[in-house]
Amino acid sequence: SMAGNTDPNIESFQLEFTGPKSAGAPRRWLRTSPEF
């Protein structure tokens, strides 16, 4: 996701997308839950 979990007690993995800029923000966050 382009957004991440803000919970101060949970840390998210971050990844960098190297594809076309039209796909959106290159930094993506692996989900900590499917809630959102």
Full PDB file with SEQRES, HELIX, SHEET, SSBOND, CRYST1, ORIGX, SCALE, CONECT and MASTER records, all heavy atoms in Angstrom:
SEQRES   1 A   36  SER MET ALA GLY ASN THR ASP PRO ASN ILE GLU SER PHE          
SEQRES   2 A   36  GLN LEU GLU PHE THR GLY PRO LYS SER ALA GLY ALA PRO          
SEQRES   3 A   36  ARG ARG TRP LEU ARG THR SER PRO GLU PHE                      
HELIX    1 AA1 LYS A   21  ALA A   23  5                                   3    
SHEET    1 AA1 2 GLN A  14  GLU A  16  0                                        
SHEET    2 AA1 2 ARG A  27  TRP A  29 -1                                        
CRYST1    1.000    1.000    1.000  90.00  90.00  90.00 P 1           1          
ORIGX1      1.000000  0.000000  0.000000        0.00000                         
ORIGX2      0.000000  1.000000  0.000000        0.00000                         
ORIGX3      0.000000  0.000000  1.000000        0.00000                         
SCALE1      1.000000  0.000000  0.000000        0.00000                         
SCALE2      0.000000  1.000000  0.000000        0.00000                         
SCALE3      0.000000  0.000000  1.000000        0.00000                         
ATOM      1  N   SER A   1       0.834  -1.196   0.000  1.00  0.00           N  
ATOM      2  CA  SER A   1       0.000   0.000   0.000  1.00  0.00           C  
ATOM      3  C   SER A   1       0.870   1.246   0.000  1.00  0.00           C  
ATOM      4  O   SER A   1       2.019   1.233   0.465  1.00  0.00           O  
ATOM      5  CB  SER A   1      -0.900   0.009   1.236  1.00  0.00           C  
ATOM      6  OG  SER A   1      -1.609   1.231   1.352  1.00  0.00           O  
ATOM      7  N   MET A   2       0.313   2.360  -0.485  1.00  0.00           N  
ATOM      8  CA  MET A   2       1.006   3.647  -0.405  1.00  0.00           C  
ATOM      9  C   MET A   2       0.925   4.226   0.995  1.00  0.00           C  
ATOM     10  O   MET A   2       1.667   5.141   1.334  1.00  0.00           O  
ATOM     11  CB  MET A   2       0.418   4.623  -1.429  1.00  0.00           C  
ATOM     12  CG  MET A   2       0.850   4.334  -2.851  1.00  0.00           C  
ATOM     13  SD  MET A   2       0.298   5.594  -4.023  1.00  0.00           S  
ATOM     14  CE  MET A   2      -1.352   5.019  -4.354  1.00  0.00           C  
ATOM     15  N   ALA A   3       0.010   3.713   1.818  1.00  0.00           N  
ATOM     16  CA  ALA A   3      -0.130   4.151   3.207  1.00  0.00           C  
ATOM     17  C   ALA A   3       0.314   3.028   4.127  1.00  0.00           C  
ATOM     18  O   ALA A   3       0.380   1.856   3.729  1.00  0.00           O  
ATOM     19  CB  ALA A   3      -1.570   4.535   3.503  1.00  0.00           C  
ATOM     20  N   GLY A   4       0.621   3.398   5.377  1.00  0.00           N  
ATOM     21  CA  GLY A   4       1.084   2.391   6.327  1.00  0.00           C  
ATOM     22  C   GLY A   4       0.306   2.455   7.623  1.00  0.00           C  
ATOM     23  O   GLY A   4      -0.601   3.265   7.796  1.00  0.00           O  
ATOM     24  N   ASN A   5       0.685   1.592   8.548  1.00  0.00           N  
ATOM     25  CA  ASN A   5       0.056   1.540   9.867  1.00  0.00           C  
ATOM     26  C   ASN A   5       0.753   2.544  10.785  1.00  0.00           C  
ATOM     27  O   ASN A   5       1.962   2.461  10.992  1.00  0.00           O  
ATOM     28  CB  ASN A   5       0.167   0.126  10.436  1.00  0.00           C  
ATOM     29  CG  ASN A   5      -0.648  -0.065  11.698  1.00  0.00           C  
ATOM     30  OD1 ASN A   5      -1.051   0.896  12.350  1.00  0.00           O  
ATOM     31  ND2 ASN A   5      -0.902  -1.309  12.053  1.00  0.00           N  
ATOM     32  N   THR A   6       0.000   3.487  11.326  1.00  0.00           N  
ATOM     33  CA  THR A   6       0.599   4.519  12.180  1.00  0.00           C  
ATOM     34  C   THR A   6       0.739   4.088  13.635  1.00  0.00           C  
ATOM     35  O   THR A   6       1.354   4.809  14.429  1.00  0.00           O  
ATOM     36  CB  THR A   6      -0.250   5.807  12.137  1.00  0.00           C  
ATOM     37  OG1 THR A   6      -1.558   5.524  12.663  1.00  0.00           O  
ATOM     38  CG2 THR A   6      -0.364   6.347  10.723  1.00  0.00           C  
ATOM     39  N   ASP A   7       0.171   2.944  14.015  1.00  0.00           N  
ATOM     40  CA  ASP A   7       0.222   2.483  15.404  1.00  0.00           C  
ATOM     41  C   ASP A   7       1.657   2.536  15.930  1.00  0.00           C  
ATOM     42  O   ASP A   7       2.559   1.911  15.348  1.00  0.00           O  
ATOM     43  CB  ASP A   7      -0.305   1.049  15.481  1.00  0.00           C  
ATOM     44  CG  ASP A   7      -0.476   0.544  16.909  1.00  0.00           C  
ATOM     45  OD1 ASP A   7       0.358   0.888  17.775  1.00  0.00           O  
ATOM     46  OD2 ASP A   7      -1.426  -0.202  17.170  1.00  0.00           O  
ATOM     47  N   PRO A   8       1.905   3.266  17.015  1.00  0.00           N  
ATOM     48  CA  PRO A   8       3.277   3.412  17.519  1.00  0.00           C  
ATOM     49  C   PRO A   8       3.912   2.104  17.984  1.00  0.00           C  
ATOM     50  O   PRO A   8       5.142   2.017  18.098  1.00  0.00           O  
ATOM     51  CB  PRO A   8       3.128   4.381  18.706  1.00  0.00           C  
ATOM     52  CG  PRO A   8       1.822   5.069  18.494  1.00  0.00           C  
ATOM     53  CD  PRO A   8       0.951   4.064  17.810  1.00  0.00           C  
ATOM     54  N   ASN A   9       3.093   1.085  18.232  1.00  0.00           N  
ATOM     55  CA  ASN A   9       3.610  -0.183  18.736  1.00  0.00           C  
ATOM     56  C   ASN A   9       3.774  -1.239  17.654  1.00  0.00           C  
ATOM     57  O   ASN A   9       4.126  -2.379  17.960  1.00  0.00           O  
ATOM     58  CB  ASN A   9       2.675  -0.720  19.826  1.00  0.00           C  
ATOM     59  CG  ASN A   9       2.572   0.226  21.006  1.00  0.00           C  
ATOM     60  OD1 ASN A   9       3.583   0.704  21.517  1.00  0.00           O  
ATOM     61  ND2 ASN A   9       1.357   0.529  21.422  1.00  0.00           N  
ATOM     62  N   ILE A  10       3.538  -0.858  16.407  1.00  0.00           N  
ATOM     63  CA  ILE A  10       3.664  -1.800  15.294  1.00  0.00           C  
ATOM     64  C   ILE A  10       4.551  -1.169  14.221  1.00  0.00           C  
ATOM     65  O   ILE A  10       4.322  -0.025  13.818  1.00  0.00           O  
ATOM     66  CB  ILE A  10       2.287  -2.154  14.696  1.00  0.00           C  
ATOM     67  CG1 ILE A  10       1.424  -2.875  15.738  1.00  0.00           C  
ATOM     68  CG2 ILE A  10       2.432  -3.016  13.450  1.00  0.00           C  
ATOM     69  CD1 ILE A  10       0.014  -3.163  15.273  1.00  0.00           C  
ATOM     70  N   GLU A  11       5.550  -1.907  13.757  1.00  0.00           N  
ATOM     71  CA  GLU A  11       6.443  -1.409  12.718  1.00  0.00           C  
ATOM     72  C   GLU A  11       6.176  -2.120  11.396  1.00  0.00           C  
ATOM     73  O   GLU A  11       6.003  -3.341  11.357  1.00  0.00           O  
ATOM     74  CB  GLU A  11       7.907  -1.600  13.127  1.00  0.00           C  
ATOM     75  CG  GLU A  11       8.317  -0.776  14.334  1.00  0.00           C  
ATOM     76  CD  GLU A  11       8.107   0.720  14.133  1.00  0.00           C  
ATOM     77  OE1 GLU A  11       8.262   1.211  12.995  1.00  0.00           O  
ATOM     78  OE2 GLU A  11       7.765   1.402  15.115  1.00  0.00           O  
ATOM     79  N   SER A  12       6.150  -1.343  10.318  1.00  0.00           N  
ATOM     80  CA  SER A  12       5.875  -1.879   8.986  1.00  0.00           C  
ATOM     81  C   SER A  12       7.157  -2.036   8.182  1.00  0.00           C  
ATOM     82  O   SER A  12       8.107  -1.268   8.341  1.00  0.00           O  
ATOM     83  CB  SER A  12       4.929  -0.949   8.223  1.00  0.00           C  
ATOM     84  OG  SER A  12       3.741  -0.709   8.931  1.00  0.00           O  
ATOM     85  N   PHE A  13       7.174  -3.028   7.295  1.00  0.00           N  
ATOM     86  CA  PHE A  13       8.245  -3.154   6.307  1.00  0.00           C  
ATOM     87  C   PHE A  13       8.000  -2.152   5.183  1.00  0.00           C  
ATOM     88  O   PHE A  13       6.861  -1.943   4.771  1.00  0.00           O  
ATOM     89  CB  PHE A  13       8.268  -4.556   5.707  1.00  0.00           C  
ATOM     90  CG  PHE A  13       8.839  -5.613   6.605  1.00  0.00           C  
ATOM     91  CD1 PHE A  13       8.004  -6.454   7.324  1.00  0.00           C  
ATOM     92  CD2 PHE A  13      10.212  -5.780   6.720  1.00  0.00           C  
ATOM     93  CE1 PHE A  13       8.521  -7.444   8.143  1.00  0.00           C  
ATOM     94  CE2 PHE A  13      10.746  -6.774   7.536  1.00  0.00           C  
ATOM     95  CZ  PHE A  13       9.903  -7.602   8.251  1.00  0.00           C  
ATOM     96  N   GLN A  14       9.085  -1.558   4.670  1.00  0.00           N  
ATOM     97  CA  GLN A  14       8.992  -0.617   3.561  1.00  0.00           C  
ATOM     98  C   GLN A  14       9.704  -1.199   2.341  1.00  0.00           C  
ATOM     99  O   GLN A  14      10.747  -1.836   2.468  1.00  0.00           O  
ATOM    100  CB  GLN A  14       9.662   0.702   3.929  1.00  0.00           C  
ATOM    101  CG  GLN A  14       9.141   1.355   5.187  1.00  0.00           C  
ATOM    102  CD  GLN A  14       9.947   2.584   5.568  1.00  0.00           C  
ATOM    103  OE1 GLN A  14      10.280   3.402   4.719  1.00  0.00           O  
ATOM    104  NE2 GLN A  14      10.262   2.699   6.851  1.00  0.00           N  
ATOM    105  N   LEU A  15       9.130  -0.953   1.169  1.00  0.00           N  
ATOM    106  CA  LEU A  15       9.718  -1.406  -0.086  1.00  0.00           C  
ATOM    107  C   LEU A  15       9.746  -0.251  -1.077  1.00  0.00           C  
ATOM    108  O   LEU A  15       8.947   0.686  -0.988  1.00  0.00           O  
ATOM    109  CB  LEU A  15       8.900  -2.559  -0.676  1.00  0.00           C  
ATOM    110  CG  LEU A  15       8.810  -3.855   0.155  1.00  0.00           C  
ATOM    111  CD1 LEU A  15       7.803  -4.802  -0.465  1.00  0.00           C  
ATOM    112  CD2 LEU A  15      10.169  -4.509   0.254  1.00  0.00           C  
ATOM    113  N   GLU A  16      10.660  -0.312  -2.044  1.00  0.00           N  
ATOM    114  CA  GLU A  16      10.744   0.707  -3.084  1.00  0.00           C  
ATOM    115  C   GLU A  16      10.368   0.093  -4.430  1.00  0.00           C  
ATOM    116  O   GLU A  16      10.977  -0.890  -4.875  1.00  0.00           O  
ATOM    117  CB  GLU A  16      12.156   1.299  -3.155  1.00  0.00           C  
ATOM    118  CG  GLU A  16      12.553   2.110  -1.929  1.00  0.00           C  
ATOM    119  CD  GLU A  16      11.750   3.397  -1.769  1.00  0.00           C  
ATOM    120  OE1 GLU A  16      11.381   3.997  -2.802  1.00  0.00           O  
ATOM    121  OE2 GLU A  16      11.474   3.767  -0.607  1.00  0.00           O  
ATOM    122  N   PHE A  17       9.380   0.671  -5.083  1.00  0.00           N  
ATOM    123  CA  PHE A  17       8.943   0.243  -6.405  1.00  0.00           C  
ATOM    124  C   PHE A  17       9.773   0.954  -7.455  1.00  0.00           C  
ATOM    125  O   PHE A  17       9.921   2.187  -7.426  1.00  0.00           O  
ATOM    126  CB  PHE A  17       7.455   0.567  -6.575  1.00  0.00           C  
ATOM    127  CG  PHE A  17       6.903   0.270  -7.935  1.00  0.00           C  
ATOM    128  CD1 PHE A  17       6.830  -1.030  -8.393  1.00  0.00           C  
ATOM    129  CD2 PHE A  17       6.445   1.293  -8.754  1.00  0.00           C  
ATOM    130  CE1 PHE A  17       6.316  -1.307  -9.646  1.00  0.00           C  
ATOM    131  CE2 PHE A  17       5.928   1.026 -10.010  1.00  0.00           C  
ATOM    132  CZ  PHE A  17       5.864  -0.281 -10.457  1.00  0.00           C  
ATOM    133  N   THR A  18      10.347   0.207  -8.403  1.00  0.00           N  
ATOM    134  CA  THR A  18      11.245   0.810  -9.406  1.00  0.00           C  
ATOM    135  C   THR A  18      10.594   0.932 -10.781  1.00  0.00           C  
ATOM    136  O   THR A  18      11.262   1.250 -11.756  1.00  0.00           O  
ATOM    137  CB  THR A  18      12.529  -0.028  -9.528  1.00  0.00           C  
ATOM    138  OG1 THR A  18      12.189  -1.374  -9.928  1.00  0.00           O  
ATOM    139  CG2 THR A  18      13.282  -0.066  -8.208  1.00  0.00           C  
ATOM    140  N   GLY A  19       9.298   0.687 -10.867  1.00  0.00           N  
ATOM    141  CA  GLY A  19       8.596   0.751 -12.136  1.00  0.00           C  
ATOM    142  C   GLY A  19       8.218   2.169 -12.530  1.00  0.00           C  
ATOM    143  O   GLY A  19       8.724   3.150 -11.970  1.00  0.00           O  
ATOM    144  N   PRO A  20       7.287   2.307 -13.466  1.00  0.00           N  
ATOM    145  CA  PRO A  20       6.914   3.634 -13.990  1.00  0.00           C  
ATOM    146  C   PRO A  20       6.333   4.554 -12.926  1.00  0.00           C  
ATOM    147  O   PRO A  20       5.586   4.108 -12.045  1.00  0.00           O  
ATOM    148  CB  PRO A  20       5.872   3.311 -15.071  1.00  0.00           C  
ATOM    149  CG  PRO A  20       5.389   1.938 -14.757  1.00  0.00           C  
ATOM    150  CD  PRO A  20       6.531   1.224 -14.127  1.00  0.00           C  
ATOM    151  N   LYS A  21       6.650   5.818 -13.007  1.00  0.00           N  
ATOM    152  CA  LYS A  21       6.160   6.802 -12.038  1.00  0.00           C  
ATOM    153  C   LYS A  21       4.641   6.943 -12.089  1.00  0.00           C  
ATOM    154  O   LYS A  21       4.020   7.353 -11.115  1.00  0.00           O  
ATOM    155  CB  LYS A  21       6.821   8.154 -12.288  1.00  0.00           C  
ATOM    156  CG  LYS A  21       8.320   8.158 -11.996  1.00  0.00           C  
ATOM    157  CD  LYS A  21       8.917   9.538 -12.204  1.00  0.00           C  
ATOM    158  CE  LYS A  21      10.410   9.531 -11.882  1.00  0.00           C  
ATOM    159  NZ  LYS A  21      11.032  10.869 -12.099  1.00  0.00           N  
ATOM    160  N   SER A  22       4.063   6.609 -13.225  1.00  0.00           N  
ATOM    161  CA  SER A  22       2.607   6.714 -13.357  1.00  0.00           C  
ATOM    162  C   SER A  22       1.872   5.770 -12.411  1.00  0.00           C  
ATOM    163  O   SER A  22       0.676   5.928 -12.176  1.00  0.00           O  
ATOM    164  CB  SER A  22       2.191   6.422 -14.796  1.00  0.00           C  
ATOM    165  OG  SER A  22       2.591   5.110 -15.175  1.00  0.00           O  
ATOM    166  N   ALA A  23       2.597   4.776 -11.868  1.00  0.00           N  
ATOM    167  CA  ALA A  23       1.976   3.818 -10.957  1.00  0.00           C  
ATOM    168  C   ALA A  23       1.781   4.390  -9.562  1.00  0.00           C  
ATOM    169  O   ALA A  23       1.153   3.757  -8.715  1.00  0.00           O  
ATOM    170  CB  ALA A  23       2.815   2.544 -10.877  1.00  0.00           C  
ATOM    171  N   GLY A  24       2.337   5.580  -9.320  1.00  0.00           N  
ATOM    172  CA  GLY A  24       2.146   6.191  -8.011  1.00  0.00           C  
ATOM    173  C   GLY A  24       3.427   6.239  -7.206  1.00  0.00           C  
ATOM    174  O   GLY A  24       4.521   6.003  -7.721  1.00  0.00           O  
ATOM    175  N   ALA A  25       3.286   6.559  -5.930  1.00  0.00           N  
ATOM    176  CA  ALA A  25       4.439   6.722  -5.045  1.00  0.00           C  
ATOM    177  C   ALA A  25       5.304   5.465  -5.053  1.00  0.00           C  
ATOM    178  O   ALA A  25       4.782   4.348  -4.938  1.00  0.00           O  
ATOM    179  CB  ALA A  25       3.976   7.025  -3.624  1.00  0.00           C  
ATOM    180  N   PRO A  26       6.625   5.620  -5.173  1.00  0.00           N  
ATOM    181  CA  PRO A  26       7.492   4.438  -5.224  1.00  0.00           C  
ATOM    182  C   PRO A  26       7.610   3.717  -3.885  1.00  0.00           C  
ATOM    183  O   PRO A  26       7.796   2.498  -3.866  1.00  0.00           O  
ATOM    184  CB  PRO A  26       8.849   5.017  -5.655  1.00  0.00           C  
ATOM    185  CG  PRO A  26       8.815   6.450  -5.233  1.00  0.00           C  
ATOM    186  CD  PRO A  26       7.387   6.872  -5.391  1.00  0.00           C  
ATOM    187  N   ARG A  27       7.492   4.438  -2.781  1.00  0.00           N  
ATOM    188  CA  ARG A  27       7.607   3.775  -1.485  1.00  0.00           C  
ATOM    189  C   ARG A  27       6.279   3.113  -1.139  1.00  0.00           C  
ATOM    190  O   ARG A  27       5.226   3.745  -1.101  1.00  0.00           O  
ATOM    191  CB  ARG A  27       7.994   4.751  -0.391  1.00  0.00           C  
ATOM    192  CG  ARG A  27       7.999   4.113   1.011  1.00  0.00           C  
ATOM    193  CD  ARG A  27       8.846   4.853   1.983  1.00  0.00           C  
ATOM    194  NE  ARG A  27      10.256   4.803   1.601  1.00  0.00           N  
ATOM    195  CZ  ARG A  27      11.243   5.326   2.314  1.00  0.00           C  
ATOM    196  NH1 ARG A  27      10.981   5.964   3.448  1.00  0.00           N  
ATOM    197  NH2 ARG A  27      12.485   5.249   1.901  1.00  0.00           N  
ATOM    198  N   ARG A  28       6.349   1.832  -0.856  1.00  0.00           N  
ATOM    199  CA  ARG A  28       5.163   1.060  -0.489  1.00  0.00           C  
ATOM    200  C   ARG A  28       5.398   0.382   0.861  1.00  0.00           C  
ATOM    201  O   ARG A  28       6.525   0.121   1.256  1.00  0.00           O  
ATOM    202  CB  ARG A  28       4.850   0.003  -1.553  1.00  0.00           C  
ATOM    203  CG  ARG A  28       4.567   0.611  -2.943  1.00  0.00           C  
ATOM    204  CD  ARG A  28       3.275   1.393  -2.956  1.00  0.00           C  
ATOM    205  NE  ARG A  28       3.149   2.218  -4.148  1.00  0.00           N  
ATOM    206  CZ  ARG A  28       2.107   2.199  -4.965  1.00  0.00           C  
ATOM    207  NH1 ARG A  28       1.090   1.413  -4.702  1.00  0.00           N  
ATOM    208  NH2 ARG A  28       2.064   2.995  -6.016  1.00  0.00           N  
ATOM    209  N   TRP A  29       4.280   0.070   1.517  1.00  0.00           N  
ATOM    210  CA  TRP A  29       4.331  -0.497   2.856  1.00  0.00           C  
ATOM    211  C   TRP A  29       3.627  -1.842   2.853  1.00  0.00           C  
ATOM    212  O   TRP A  29       2.500  -1.965   2.372  1.00  0.00           O  
ATOM    213  CB  TRP A  29       3.642   0.446   3.856  1.00  0.00           C  
ATOM    214  CG  TRP A  29       4.263   1.820   3.855  1.00  0.00           C  
ATOM    215  CD1 TRP A  29       4.078   2.802   2.916  1.00  0.00           C  
ATOM    216  CD2 TRP A  29       5.185   2.348   4.809  1.00  0.00           C  
ATOM    217  NE1 TRP A  29       4.822   3.908   3.235  1.00  0.00           N  
ATOM    218  CE2 TRP A  29       5.516   3.668   4.398  1.00  0.00           C  
ATOM    219  CE3 TRP A  29       5.745   1.849   5.989  1.00  0.00           C  
ATOM    220  CZ2 TRP A  29       6.381   4.479   5.107  1.00  0.00           C  
ATOM    221  CZ3 TRP A  29       6.617   2.653   6.698  1.00  0.00           C  
ATOM    222  CH2 TRP A  29       6.934   3.964   6.259  1.00  0.00           C  
ATOM    223  N   LEU A  30       4.309  -2.871   3.357  1.00  0.00           N  
ATOM    224  CA  LEU A  30       3.670  -4.174   3.485  1.00  0.00           C  
ATOM    225  C   LEU A  30       2.621  -4.109   4.591  1.00  0.00           C  
ATOM    226  O   LEU A  30       2.880  -3.565   5.661  1.00  0.00           O  
ATOM    227  CB  LEU A  30       4.708  -5.247   3.818  1.00  0.00           C  
ATOM    228  CG  LEU A  30       5.435  -5.896   2.638  1.00  0.00           C  
ATOM    229  CD1 LEU A  30       6.580  -6.771   3.149  1.00  0.00           C  
ATOM    230  CD2 LEU A  30       4.488  -6.709   1.785  1.00  0.00           C  
ATOM    231  N   ARG A  31       1.479  -4.680   4.353  1.00  0.00           N  
ATOM    232  CA  ARG A  31       0.371  -4.554   5.299  1.00  0.00           C  
ATOM    233  C   ARG A  31       0.685  -5.261   6.619  1.00  0.00           C  
ATOM    234  O   ARG A  31       1.287  -6.343   6.646  1.00  0.00           O  
ATOM    235  CB  ARG A  31      -0.910  -5.110   4.701  1.00  0.00           C  
ATOM    236  CG  ARG A  31      -0.907  -6.622   4.489  1.00  0.00           C  
ATOM    237  CD  ARG A  31      -2.192  -7.062   3.840  1.00  0.00           C  
ATOM    238  NE  ARG A  31      -2.254  -8.528   3.723  1.00  0.00           N  
ATOM    239  CZ  ARG A  31      -3.260  -9.166   3.166  1.00  0.00           C  
ATOM    240  NH1 ARG A  31      -4.297  -8.489   2.659  1.00  0.00           N  
ATOM    241  NH2 ARG A  31      -3.262 -10.489   3.091  1.00  0.00           N  
ATOM    242  N   THR A  32       0.258  -4.657   7.699  1.00  0.00           N  
ATOM    243  CA  THR A  32       0.312  -5.299   9.012  1.00  0.00           C  
ATOM    244  C   THR A  32      -1.020  -5.957   9.339  1.00  0.00           C  
ATOM    245  O   THR A  32      -1.114  -6.746  10.264  1.00  0.00           O  
ATOM    246  CB  THR A  32       0.674  -4.282  10.114  1.00  0.00           C  
ATOM    247  OG1 THR A  32      -0.321  -3.253  10.146  1.00  0.00           O  
ATOM    248  CG2 THR A  32       2.037  -3.663   9.851  1.00  0.00           C  
ATOM    249  N   SER A  33      -2.049  -5.597   8.584  1.00  0.00           N  
ATOM    250  CA  SER A  33      -3.346  -6.270   8.623  1.00  0.00           C  
ATOM    251  C   SER A  33      -4.104  -5.801   7.378  1.00  0.00           C  
ATOM    252  O   SER A  33      -3.734  -4.783   6.775  1.00  0.00           O  
ATOM    253  CB  SER A  33      -4.130  -5.915   9.894  1.00  0.00           C  
ATOM    254  OG  SER A  33      -4.982  -4.815   9.685  1.00  0.00           O  
ATOM    255  N   PRO A  34      -5.169  -6.507   6.976  1.00  0.00           N  
ATOM    256  CA  PRO A  34      -5.956  -6.071   5.817  1.00  0.00           C  
ATOM    257  C   PRO A  34      -7.067  -5.094   6.187  1.00  0.00           C  
ATOM    258  O   PRO A  34      -7.969  -4.839   5.388  1.00  0.00           O  
ATOM    259  CB  PRO A  34      -6.524  -7.382   5.288  1.00  0.00           C  
ATOM    260  CG  PRO A  34      -6.716  -8.212   6.512  1.00  0.00           C  
ATOM    261  CD  PRO A  34      -5.579  -7.848   7.448  1.00  0.00           C  
ATOM    262  N   GLU A  35      -7.016  -4.512   7.369  1.00  0.00           N  
ATOM    263  CA  GLU A  35      -8.133  -3.732   7.910  1.00  0.00           C  
ATOM    264  C   GLU A  35      -8.565  -2.580   7.009  1.00  0.00           C  
ATOM    265  O   GLU A  35      -9.760  -2.413   6.725  1.00  0.00           O  
ATOM    266  CB  GLU A  35      -7.763  -3.198   9.291  1.00  0.00           C  
ATOM    267  CG  GLU A  35      -8.847  -2.349   9.931  1.00  0.00           C  
ATOM    268  CD  GLU A  35      -8.547  -2.032  11.388  1.00  0.00           C  
ATOM    269  OE1 GLU A  35      -7.463  -2.392  11.865  1.00  0.00           O  
ATOM    270  OE2 GLU A  35      -9.426  -1.436  12.037  1.00  0.00           O  
ATOM    271  N   PHE A  36      -7.621  -1.763   6.571  1.00  0.00           N  
ATOM    272  CA  PHE A  36      -8.007  -0.551   5.835  1.00  0.00           C  
ATOM    273  C   PHE A  36      -8.694  -0.869   4.507  1.00  0.00           C  
ATOM    274  O   PHE A  36      -9.771  -0.319   4.223  1.00  0.00           O  
ATOM    275  CB  PHE A  36      -6.795   0.349   5.623  1.00  0.00           C  
ATOM    276  CG  PHE A  36      -6.220   0.922   6.900  1.00  0.00           C  
ATOM    277  CD1 PHE A  36      -5.064   1.698   6.879  1.00  0.00           C  
ATOM    278  CD2 PHE A  36      -6.821   0.706   8.135  1.00  0.00           C  
ATOM    279  CE1 PHE A  36      -4.529   2.236   8.043  1.00  0.00           C  
ATOM    280  CE2 PHE A  36      -6.295   1.234   9.304  1.00  0.00           C  
ATOM    281  CZ  PHE A  36      -5.142   1.999   9.254  1.00  0.00           C  
TER     282      PHE A  36                                                      
MASTER        0    0    0    1    2    0    0    6  281    1    0    3          
END                                                                             
